[in-house]
Amino acid sequence: MRKPRASFAELLSRAHAVLLKDLEQVEQAMHSPTTRTSARFAAQLRRVQRHLREHFRFEERDGYLSAVRKREPQLDREINRLLQEHRQLAQALNALIEQADHSPEGAPAEQVRAWVAQVRLHESRENALVEDVFNRDLIAAD
C-alpha cells in the first residue's frame, strides 16, 4: 500500500522545520571555539545550504509567494524584495562556506551569527506577509 503524497503545504512546512533545526544547530556549534575551524562545521554549513535552497524553491517556483502576488498584486515590490533577499542570503552563505573550507580561522563567528539572524528576520517578515494576505482572505470570506 502506497503512502499518500504530501501536500505542498506539508512539504513547505517540513522544509521550514528542517531549515530552523539547521539554524539552531549552527547557533549551538558557534559556542565551541574549535567548531568553526573543523571540516565538520563546513559540512554543517553545506547541509544548511542544501536545505536553504530547497526552502527557497518552495517559496519561489509557483510557491506561496506566487500565490501572494496573485492575490495581492500591489505587494509586488515587497515580494521582489524578499526574493532578492533569497539571493543575498544564499550568496552570504556561500561566502561563509568558502571561509570555513579555506581559511585557517574557519568561518568568523560574528558573521555566522549575523547571517543566522538575517535568515530568521527574513523568515519572520515573509511569514507575516503571507499570514496577513491569507488572513484577509479568511476575514473577507466571513
N, C-alpha and C. Protein backbone atom coordinates (compact mmCIF):
# COMPACT_ATOMS: atom_id res chain seq x y z
N MET A 1 0.84 -1.18 0.00
CA MET A 1 0.00 0.00 0.00
C MET A 1 0.88 1.24 0.00
N ARG A 2 0.62 2.14 -0.92
CA ARG A 2 1.43 3.36 -1.04
C ARG A 2 0.96 4.41 -0.06
N LYS A 3 1.94 5.19 0.41
CA LYS A 3 1.62 6.32 1.28
C LYS A 3 1.03 7.44 0.43
N PRO A 4 0.08 8.19 0.97
CA PRO A 4 -0.44 9.32 0.21
C PRO A 4 0.66 10.37 0.04
N ARG A 5 0.64 11.04 -1.10
CA ARG A 5 1.63 12.08 -1.36
C ARG A 5 1.37 13.27 -0.44
N ALA A 6 2.47 13.85 0.02
CA ALA A 6 2.35 15.02 0.89
C ALA A 6 1.88 16.22 0.08
N SER A 7 1.09 17.06 0.71
CA SER A 7 0.62 18.27 0.04
C SER A 7 1.75 19.28 -0.03
N PHE A 8 1.54 20.29 -0.85
CA PHE A 8 2.53 21.36 -0.99
C PHE A 8 2.78 22.01 0.37
N ALA A 9 1.70 22.27 1.11
CA ALA A 9 1.83 22.92 2.42
C ALA A 9 2.63 22.05 3.39
N GLU A 10 2.42 20.75 3.35
CA GLU A 10 3.17 19.83 4.21
C GLU A 10 4.65 19.82 3.84
N LEU A 11 4.93 19.79 2.54
CA LEU A 11 6.33 19.80 2.10
C LEU A 11 7.02 21.09 2.49
N LEU A 12 6.33 22.21 2.33
CA LEU A 12 6.88 23.50 2.72
C LEU A 12 7.12 23.54 4.22
N SER A 13 6.17 23.05 4.97
CA SER A 13 6.30 23.03 6.43
C SER A 13 7.50 22.19 6.85
N ARG A 14 7.68 21.05 6.22
CA ARG A 14 8.84 20.19 6.53
C ARG A 14 10.15 20.90 6.19
N ALA A 15 10.19 21.54 5.02
CA ALA A 15 11.40 22.25 4.60
C ALA A 15 11.71 23.37 5.59
N HIS A 16 10.69 24.06 6.05
CA HIS A 16 10.86 25.14 7.01
C HIS A 16 11.38 24.59 8.34
N ALA A 17 10.81 23.49 8.80
CA ALA A 17 11.24 22.88 10.06
C ALA A 17 12.69 22.41 9.98
N VAL A 18 13.08 21.82 8.87
CA VAL A 18 14.45 21.35 8.69
C VAL A 18 15.41 22.54 8.70
N LEU A 19 15.04 23.61 8.03
CA LEU A 19 15.89 24.80 7.99
C LEU A 19 16.04 25.39 9.40
N LEU A 20 14.95 25.49 10.15
CA LEU A 20 15.03 26.02 11.50
C LEU A 20 15.90 25.15 12.40
N LYS A 21 15.80 23.85 12.24
CA LYS A 21 16.64 22.93 13.01
C LYS A 21 18.11 23.14 12.65
N ASP A 22 18.39 23.29 11.37
CA ASP A 22 19.76 23.55 10.91
C ASP A 22 20.30 24.83 11.55
N LEU A 23 19.49 25.88 11.56
CA LEU A 23 19.93 27.15 12.12
C LEU A 23 20.23 27.02 13.61
N GLU A 24 19.40 26.27 14.32
CA GLU A 24 19.65 26.03 15.75
C GLU A 24 20.97 25.29 15.95
N GLN A 25 21.23 24.29 15.12
CA GLN A 25 22.47 23.52 15.23
C GLN A 25 23.69 24.39 14.95
N VAL A 26 23.58 25.28 13.97
CA VAL A 26 24.68 26.19 13.67
C VAL A 26 24.92 27.11 14.86
N GLU A 27 23.85 27.64 15.42
CA GLU A 27 23.99 28.52 16.59
C GLU A 27 24.64 27.77 17.76
N GLN A 28 24.24 26.54 17.99
CA GLN A 28 24.83 25.75 19.06
C GLN A 28 26.31 25.48 18.79
N ALA A 29 26.63 25.20 17.55
CA ALA A 29 28.03 24.92 17.19
C ALA A 29 28.92 26.13 17.41
N MET A 30 28.36 27.32 17.32
CA MET A 30 29.15 28.54 17.48
C MET A 30 29.62 28.73 18.92
N HIS A 31 29.09 27.98 19.86
CA HIS A 31 29.52 28.09 21.26
C HIS A 31 30.87 27.41 21.50
N SER A 32 31.29 26.59 20.58
CA SER A 32 32.58 25.91 20.70
C SER A 32 33.62 26.63 19.86
N PRO A 33 34.71 27.13 20.49
CA PRO A 33 35.70 27.89 19.72
C PRO A 33 36.40 27.07 18.63
N THR A 34 36.49 25.78 18.79
CA THR A 34 37.17 24.97 17.78
C THR A 34 36.24 24.53 16.65
N THR A 35 34.96 24.68 16.84
CA THR A 35 33.99 24.19 15.86
C THR A 35 34.15 24.86 14.50
N ARG A 36 34.30 26.19 14.50
CA ARG A 36 34.31 26.94 13.24
C ARG A 36 35.46 26.53 12.32
N THR A 37 36.50 25.94 12.85
CA THR A 37 37.65 25.56 12.04
C THR A 37 37.60 24.10 11.60
N SER A 38 36.57 23.39 12.02
CA SER A 38 36.52 21.96 11.72
C SER A 38 35.86 21.70 10.37
N ALA A 39 36.27 20.61 9.75
CA ALA A 39 35.64 20.19 8.49
C ALA A 39 34.17 19.85 8.75
N ARG A 40 33.88 19.40 9.94
CA ARG A 40 32.50 19.06 10.29
C ARG A 40 31.60 20.30 10.23
N PHE A 41 32.11 21.44 10.68
CA PHE A 41 31.31 22.67 10.64
C PHE A 41 31.07 23.10 9.19
N ALA A 42 32.09 22.99 8.35
CA ALA A 42 31.90 23.32 6.93
C ALA A 42 30.84 22.42 6.32
N ALA A 43 30.86 21.14 6.69
CA ALA A 43 29.85 20.21 6.19
C ALA A 43 28.47 20.59 6.71
N GLN A 44 28.41 21.06 7.95
CA GLN A 44 27.14 21.51 8.52
C GLN A 44 26.60 22.71 7.74
N LEU A 45 27.47 23.63 7.39
CA LEU A 45 27.05 24.79 6.59
C LEU A 45 26.57 24.36 5.20
N ARG A 46 27.21 23.37 4.62
CA ARG A 46 26.77 22.87 3.31
C ARG A 46 25.38 22.22 3.42
N ARG A 47 25.13 21.55 4.54
CA ARG A 47 23.80 20.96 4.75
C ARG A 47 22.75 22.08 4.85
N VAL A 48 23.09 23.13 5.58
CA VAL A 48 22.19 24.29 5.67
C VAL A 48 21.94 24.84 4.27
N GLN A 49 22.99 24.91 3.47
CA GLN A 49 22.87 25.43 2.11
C GLN A 49 21.87 24.61 1.29
N ARG A 50 21.97 23.29 1.37
CA ARG A 50 21.03 22.43 0.64
C ARG A 50 19.59 22.67 1.10
N HIS A 51 19.41 22.75 2.39
CA HIS A 51 18.06 22.93 2.93
C HIS A 51 17.53 24.34 2.64
N LEU A 52 18.41 25.32 2.65
CA LEU A 52 18.01 26.69 2.32
C LEU A 52 17.55 26.76 0.88
N ARG A 53 18.28 26.13 -0.02
CA ARG A 53 17.87 26.11 -1.44
C ARG A 53 16.50 25.46 -1.61
N GLU A 54 16.30 24.34 -0.92
CA GLU A 54 15.03 23.63 -1.01
C GLU A 54 13.90 24.51 -0.47
N HIS A 55 14.14 25.15 0.65
CA HIS A 55 13.13 26.01 1.26
C HIS A 55 12.78 27.18 0.33
N PHE A 56 13.79 27.84 -0.22
CA PHE A 56 13.54 28.95 -1.13
C PHE A 56 12.82 28.49 -2.39
N ARG A 57 13.15 27.29 -2.86
CA ARG A 57 12.49 26.75 -4.05
C ARG A 57 10.98 26.62 -3.80
N PHE A 58 10.60 26.16 -2.61
CA PHE A 58 9.18 26.04 -2.28
C PHE A 58 8.50 27.40 -2.28
N GLU A 59 9.21 28.42 -1.89
CA GLU A 59 8.62 29.75 -1.83
C GLU A 59 8.55 30.41 -3.20
N GLU A 60 9.51 30.14 -4.06
CA GLU A 60 9.66 30.88 -5.31
C GLU A 60 8.90 30.28 -6.48
N ARG A 61 9.14 29.05 -6.80
CA ARG A 61 8.58 28.46 -8.02
C ARG A 61 7.15 28.02 -7.81
N ASP A 62 6.24 28.86 -8.22
CA ASP A 62 4.82 28.60 -8.03
C ASP A 62 4.50 28.28 -6.58
N GLY A 63 5.28 28.85 -5.70
CA GLY A 63 5.09 28.63 -4.27
C GLY A 63 4.16 29.66 -3.68
N TYR A 64 4.20 29.76 -2.38
CA TYR A 64 3.23 30.64 -1.75
C TYR A 64 3.51 32.11 -1.99
N LEU A 65 4.74 32.50 -2.33
CA LEU A 65 4.95 33.90 -2.70
C LEU A 65 4.26 34.21 -4.03
N SER A 66 4.20 33.24 -4.91
CA SER A 66 3.45 33.42 -6.16
C SER A 66 1.96 33.57 -5.88
N ALA A 67 1.48 32.79 -4.91
CA ALA A 67 0.06 32.88 -4.54
C ALA A 67 -0.24 34.25 -3.94
N VAL A 68 0.69 34.77 -3.13
CA VAL A 68 0.50 36.10 -2.54
C VAL A 68 0.47 37.15 -3.65
N ARG A 69 1.40 37.04 -4.59
CA ARG A 69 1.48 38.00 -5.70
C ARG A 69 0.18 37.98 -6.51
N LYS A 70 -0.35 36.79 -6.71
CA LYS A 70 -1.59 36.65 -7.48
C LYS A 70 -2.78 37.29 -6.75
N ARG A 71 -2.85 37.09 -5.44
CA ARG A 71 -3.96 37.62 -4.65
C ARG A 71 -3.84 39.12 -4.41
N GLU A 72 -2.60 39.59 -4.25
CA GLU A 72 -2.36 40.99 -3.88
C GLU A 72 -1.25 41.57 -4.77
N PRO A 73 -1.56 41.87 -6.03
CA PRO A 73 -0.53 42.36 -6.95
C PRO A 73 0.17 43.63 -6.48
N GLN A 74 -0.48 44.40 -5.63
CA GLN A 74 0.14 45.64 -5.14
C GLN A 74 1.32 45.34 -4.20
N LEU A 75 1.48 44.10 -3.79
CA LEU A 75 2.60 43.73 -2.93
C LEU A 75 3.83 43.28 -3.73
N ASP A 76 3.79 43.51 -5.02
CA ASP A 76 4.85 43.07 -5.92
C ASP A 76 6.24 43.53 -5.46
N ARG A 77 6.37 44.79 -5.07
CA ARG A 77 7.69 45.31 -4.65
C ARG A 77 8.19 44.59 -3.40
N GLU A 78 7.30 44.37 -2.46
CA GLU A 78 7.67 43.67 -1.22
C GLU A 78 8.09 42.23 -1.53
N ILE A 79 7.35 41.58 -2.39
CA ILE A 79 7.67 40.20 -2.77
C ILE A 79 9.02 40.16 -3.49
N ASN A 80 9.24 41.09 -4.40
CA ASN A 80 10.53 41.14 -5.11
C ASN A 80 11.69 41.38 -4.14
N ARG A 81 11.45 42.20 -3.12
CA ARG A 81 12.50 42.46 -2.12
C ARG A 81 12.81 41.18 -1.36
N LEU A 82 11.79 40.42 -1.00
CA LEU A 82 12.01 39.16 -0.30
C LEU A 82 12.75 38.16 -1.19
N LEU A 83 12.40 38.13 -2.47
CA LEU A 83 13.09 37.23 -3.40
C LEU A 83 14.55 37.65 -3.58
N GLN A 84 14.81 38.94 -3.60
CA GLN A 84 16.19 39.43 -3.68
C GLN A 84 16.97 39.02 -2.43
N GLU A 85 16.31 39.06 -1.29
CA GLU A 85 16.96 38.62 -0.06
C GLU A 85 17.34 37.15 -0.14
N HIS A 86 16.54 36.34 -0.82
CA HIS A 86 16.90 34.93 -1.01
C HIS A 86 18.28 34.84 -1.65
N ARG A 87 18.49 35.61 -2.71
CA ARG A 87 19.78 35.58 -3.41
C ARG A 87 20.90 36.09 -2.51
N GLN A 88 20.63 37.16 -1.77
CA GLN A 88 21.66 37.73 -0.89
C GLN A 88 22.02 36.76 0.24
N LEU A 89 21.02 36.13 0.83
CA LEU A 89 21.28 35.18 1.90
C LEU A 89 22.06 33.97 1.37
N ALA A 90 21.70 33.50 0.19
CA ALA A 90 22.42 32.37 -0.41
C ALA A 90 23.87 32.75 -0.71
N GLN A 91 24.09 33.94 -1.25
CA GLN A 91 25.46 34.38 -1.55
C GLN A 91 26.29 34.54 -0.27
N ALA A 92 25.68 35.08 0.77
CA ALA A 92 26.40 35.24 2.04
C ALA A 92 26.77 33.88 2.62
N LEU A 93 25.86 32.91 2.51
CA LEU A 93 26.18 31.56 2.99
C LEU A 93 27.30 30.95 2.17
N ASN A 94 27.28 31.16 0.86
CA ASN A 94 28.38 30.66 0.02
C ASN A 94 29.72 31.19 0.50
N ALA A 95 29.76 32.47 0.85
CA ALA A 95 31.00 33.09 1.33
C ALA A 95 31.42 32.48 2.66
N LEU A 96 30.47 32.22 3.55
CA LEU A 96 30.80 31.60 4.84
C LEU A 96 31.35 30.18 4.64
N ILE A 97 30.76 29.46 3.72
CA ILE A 97 31.26 28.10 3.42
C ILE A 97 32.67 28.17 2.86
N GLU A 98 32.90 29.11 1.97
CA GLU A 98 34.24 29.29 1.40
C GLU A 98 35.25 29.57 2.51
N GLN A 99 34.90 30.44 3.43
CA GLN A 99 35.80 30.74 4.55
C GLN A 99 36.01 29.51 5.43
N ALA A 100 34.94 28.78 5.71
CA ALA A 100 35.05 27.59 6.54
C ALA A 100 35.93 26.54 5.89
N ASP A 101 35.87 26.45 4.57
CA ASP A 101 36.66 25.47 3.84
C ASP A 101 38.14 25.85 3.69
N HIS A 102 38.42 27.15 3.52
CA HIS A 102 39.75 27.54 3.10
C HIS A 102 40.54 28.42 4.06
N SER A 103 39.90 28.94 5.06
CA SER A 103 40.61 29.81 5.99
C SER A 103 41.02 29.03 7.23
N PRO A 104 42.25 29.21 7.69
CA PRO A 104 42.67 28.50 8.91
C PRO A 104 41.83 28.90 10.13
N GLU A 105 41.26 30.10 10.09
CA GLU A 105 40.41 30.55 11.20
C GLU A 105 38.98 30.04 11.07
N GLY A 106 38.65 29.48 9.93
CA GLY A 106 37.29 29.00 9.72
C GLY A 106 36.33 30.15 9.45
N ALA A 107 35.08 29.88 9.63
CA ALA A 107 34.05 30.89 9.42
C ALA A 107 34.01 31.82 10.63
N PRO A 108 34.04 33.14 10.41
CA PRO A 108 34.00 34.08 11.54
C PRO A 108 32.69 33.98 12.32
N ALA A 109 32.79 33.77 13.61
CA ALA A 109 31.61 33.56 14.46
C ALA A 109 30.60 34.70 14.33
N GLU A 110 31.09 35.93 14.34
CA GLU A 110 30.19 37.08 14.27
C GLU A 110 29.41 37.08 12.96
N GLN A 111 30.08 36.73 11.88
CA GLN A 111 29.41 36.71 10.58
C GLN A 111 28.39 35.58 10.50
N VAL A 112 28.73 34.44 11.07
CA VAL A 112 27.79 33.31 11.06
C VAL A 112 26.55 33.67 11.88
N ARG A 113 26.77 34.22 13.06
CA ARG A 113 25.64 34.62 13.91
C ARG A 113 24.78 35.68 13.22
N ALA A 114 25.42 36.64 12.59
CA ALA A 114 24.68 37.70 11.89
C ALA A 114 23.87 37.10 10.74
N TRP A 115 24.46 36.15 10.01
CA TRP A 115 23.75 35.52 8.90
C TRP A 115 22.52 34.76 9.41
N VAL A 116 22.69 34.01 10.49
CA VAL A 116 21.55 33.27 11.06
C VAL A 116 20.45 34.25 11.47
N ALA A 117 20.84 35.36 12.09
CA ALA A 117 19.86 36.37 12.50
C ALA A 117 19.14 36.96 11.28
N GLN A 118 19.87 37.18 10.19
CA GLN A 118 19.26 37.70 8.96
C GLN A 118 18.25 36.72 8.40
N VAL A 119 18.59 35.44 8.41
CA VAL A 119 17.65 34.42 7.91
C VAL A 119 16.39 34.41 8.76
N ARG A 120 16.57 34.44 10.07
CA ARG A 120 15.40 34.43 10.97
C ARG A 120 14.51 35.66 10.75
N LEU A 121 15.13 36.83 10.61
CA LEU A 121 14.38 38.05 10.36
C LEU A 121 13.65 37.98 9.02
N HIS A 122 14.34 37.48 8.00
CA HIS A 122 13.74 37.32 6.68
C HIS A 122 12.51 36.41 6.77
N GLU A 123 12.67 35.27 7.41
CA GLU A 123 11.57 34.31 7.53
C GLU A 123 10.40 34.92 8.30
N SER A 124 10.71 35.69 9.31
CA SER A 124 9.66 36.35 10.10
C SER A 124 8.87 37.33 9.24
N ARG A 125 9.56 38.15 8.46
CA ARG A 125 8.87 39.12 7.59
C ARG A 125 8.06 38.40 6.52
N GLU A 126 8.63 37.36 5.97
CA GLU A 126 7.94 36.58 4.93
C GLU A 126 6.67 35.95 5.50
N ASN A 127 6.79 35.33 6.67
CA ASN A 127 5.63 34.70 7.29
C ASN A 127 4.55 35.72 7.62
N ALA A 128 4.95 36.88 8.11
CA ALA A 128 3.98 37.93 8.44
C ALA A 128 3.22 38.38 7.20
N LEU A 129 3.94 38.56 6.10
CA LEU A 129 3.31 38.97 4.85
C LEU A 129 2.28 37.93 4.39
N VAL A 130 2.69 36.68 4.36
CA VAL A 130 1.81 35.61 3.88
C VAL A 130 0.60 35.47 4.81
N GLU A 131 0.84 35.48 6.11
CA GLU A 131 -0.27 35.34 7.05
C GLU A 131 -1.26 36.50 6.89
N ASP A 132 -0.73 37.70 6.73
CA ASP A 132 -1.60 38.87 6.57
C ASP A 132 -2.50 38.72 5.35
N VAL A 133 -1.92 38.33 4.23
CA VAL A 133 -2.69 38.19 2.99
C VAL A 133 -3.74 37.09 3.12
N PHE A 134 -3.34 35.94 3.63
CA PHE A 134 -4.30 34.84 3.71
C PHE A 134 -5.33 35.06 4.82
N ASN A 135 -4.96 35.75 5.88
CA ASN A 135 -5.93 36.07 6.92
C ASN A 135 -6.96 37.07 6.41
N ARG A 136 -6.54 38.04 5.57
CA ARG A 136 -7.50 38.97 4.98
C ARG A 136 -8.53 38.22 4.16
N ASP A 137 -8.06 37.20 3.42
CA ASP A 137 -8.99 36.41 2.62
C ASP A 137 -10.00 35.69 3.52
N LEU A 138 -9.53 35.15 4.63
CA LEU A 138 -10.43 34.44 5.54
C LEU A 138 -11.43 35.38 6.18
N ILE A 139 -10.97 36.57 6.57
CA ILE A 139 -11.86 37.55 7.17
C ILE A 139 -12.90 38.03 6.15
N ALA A 140 -12.46 38.25 4.92
CA ALA A 140 -13.39 38.69 3.88
C ALA A 140 -14.44 37.61 3.58
N ALA A 141 -14.07 36.34 3.73
CA ALA A 141 -15.00 35.25 3.45
C ALA A 141 -16.06 35.14 4.54
N ASP A 142 -15.74 35.62 5.76
CA ASP A 142 -16.72 35.55 6.87
C ASP A 142 -17.79 36.53 6.63
